[in-house]
Protein backbone atom coordinates (compact mmCIF):
# COMPACT_ATOMS: atom_id res chain seq x y z
CA MET A 1 -22.36 -33.30 -2.91
CA ASN A 2 -19.19 -35.19 -2.87
CA LYS A 3 -15.62 -32.56 -2.26
CA TYR A 4 -14.54 -32.78 -5.99
CA GLU A 5 -18.46 -30.98 -6.84
CA LYS A 6 -16.88 -27.98 -4.98
CA TYR A 7 -13.67 -27.40 -6.85
CA PRO A 8 -15.21 -25.16 -10.24
CA ALA A 9 -16.28 -22.54 -7.71
CA GLN A 10 -13.42 -22.22 -6.00
CA VAL A 11 -11.29 -22.01 -9.55
CA ILE A 12 -13.93 -19.52 -10.95
CA GLY A 13 -13.13 -17.69 -7.80
CA ILE A 14 -9.55 -17.49 -8.14
CA VAL A 15 -9.65 -16.86 -11.90
CA MET A 16 -11.88 -13.59 -11.34
CA SER A 17 -9.76 -12.72 -8.36
CA VAL A 18 -6.58 -12.29 -10.38
CA ILE A 19 -8.90 -10.48 -13.38
CA GLY A 20 -9.69 -8.19 -10.92
CA LEU A 21 -5.95 -7.31 -9.62
CA VAL A 22 -4.93 -7.17 -13.22
CA ALA A 23 -7.60 -4.77 -14.32
CA ILE A 24 -6.02 -2.59 -10.77
CA PHE A 25 -2.90 -2.70 -11.81
CA PHE A 26 -3.65 -1.72 -15.42
CA ALA A 27 -5.73 0.99 -14.31
CA LEU A 28 -3.06 2.24 -11.97
CA THR A 29 -0.15 2.23 -14.03
CA THR A 30 -1.73 4.29 -17.01
CA SER A 31 -3.33 6.92 -14.54
CA LEU A 32 0.57 7.44 -13.12
CA ASP A 33 1.71 7.89 -17.02
CA ILE A 34 -0.47 10.66 -17.53
CA PRO A 35 1.20 13.99 -18.39
CA ASP A 36 0.65 16.87 -16.21
CA VAL A 37 -0.53 20.25 -18.12
CA LEU A 38 0.67 23.25 -15.92
CA ILE A 39 -1.78 25.76 -16.52
CA SER A 40 -1.59 29.77 -15.25
CA HIS A 41 -4.12 30.73 -12.69
CA SER A 42 -4.36 33.98 -13.64
CA THR A 43 -4.50 33.56 -17.91
CA ASN A 44 -5.95 30.16 -18.23
CA GLU A 45 -3.09 29.47 -20.47
CA CYS A 46 -0.42 26.23 -20.84
CA VAL A 47 2.68 27.00 -19.22
CA SER A 48 4.33 23.59 -19.55
CA VAL A 49 3.66 19.71 -19.63
CA ILE A 50 5.25 17.22 -17.69
CA ASN A 51 5.83 13.83 -19.52
CA TYR A 52 6.14 10.75 -17.10
CA THR A 53 7.29 8.71 -19.66
CA ASP A 54 9.85 8.78 -22.93
CA GLU A 55 7.52 7.84 -25.31
CA ASP A 56 5.51 11.17 -24.43
CA THR A 57 6.75 14.43 -26.19
CA TYR A 58 4.11 16.62 -25.63
CA SER A 59 3.94 20.25 -25.38
CA CYS A 60 2.01 23.34 -24.67
CA GLU A 61 1.75 23.45 -29.00
CA ASN A 62 1.12 19.59 -28.70
CA MET A 63 -1.32 19.00 -25.86
CA PRO A 64 -2.21 15.46 -24.93
CA THR A 65 -5.83 14.17 -25.04
CA LYS A 66 -5.58 13.19 -21.50
CA TYR A 67 -4.05 15.13 -18.71
CA ASN A 68 -3.66 16.25 -15.23
CA LYS A 69 -4.49 19.92 -14.95
CA VAL A 70 -2.26 21.51 -12.51
CA TRP A 71 -2.96 25.27 -11.43
CA VAL A 72 0.01 27.32 -11.40
CA LYS A 73 0.85 31.08 -10.45
């Protein structure tokens, strides 16, 4: 095996590492954009929705499909 035969494996390793880092970055930024829905502990109803992006216009009447549930008094 000469010194040039090991480079394809190194390139594949670098490409896979970059793809993994991009996937982690995408998952992190997506999870940080999910709105918070404030739920009353006593009535178990929506109190308010906190939108973290300007594109989201969710409210208690227009609930998001994915959200973080935050219990409030």
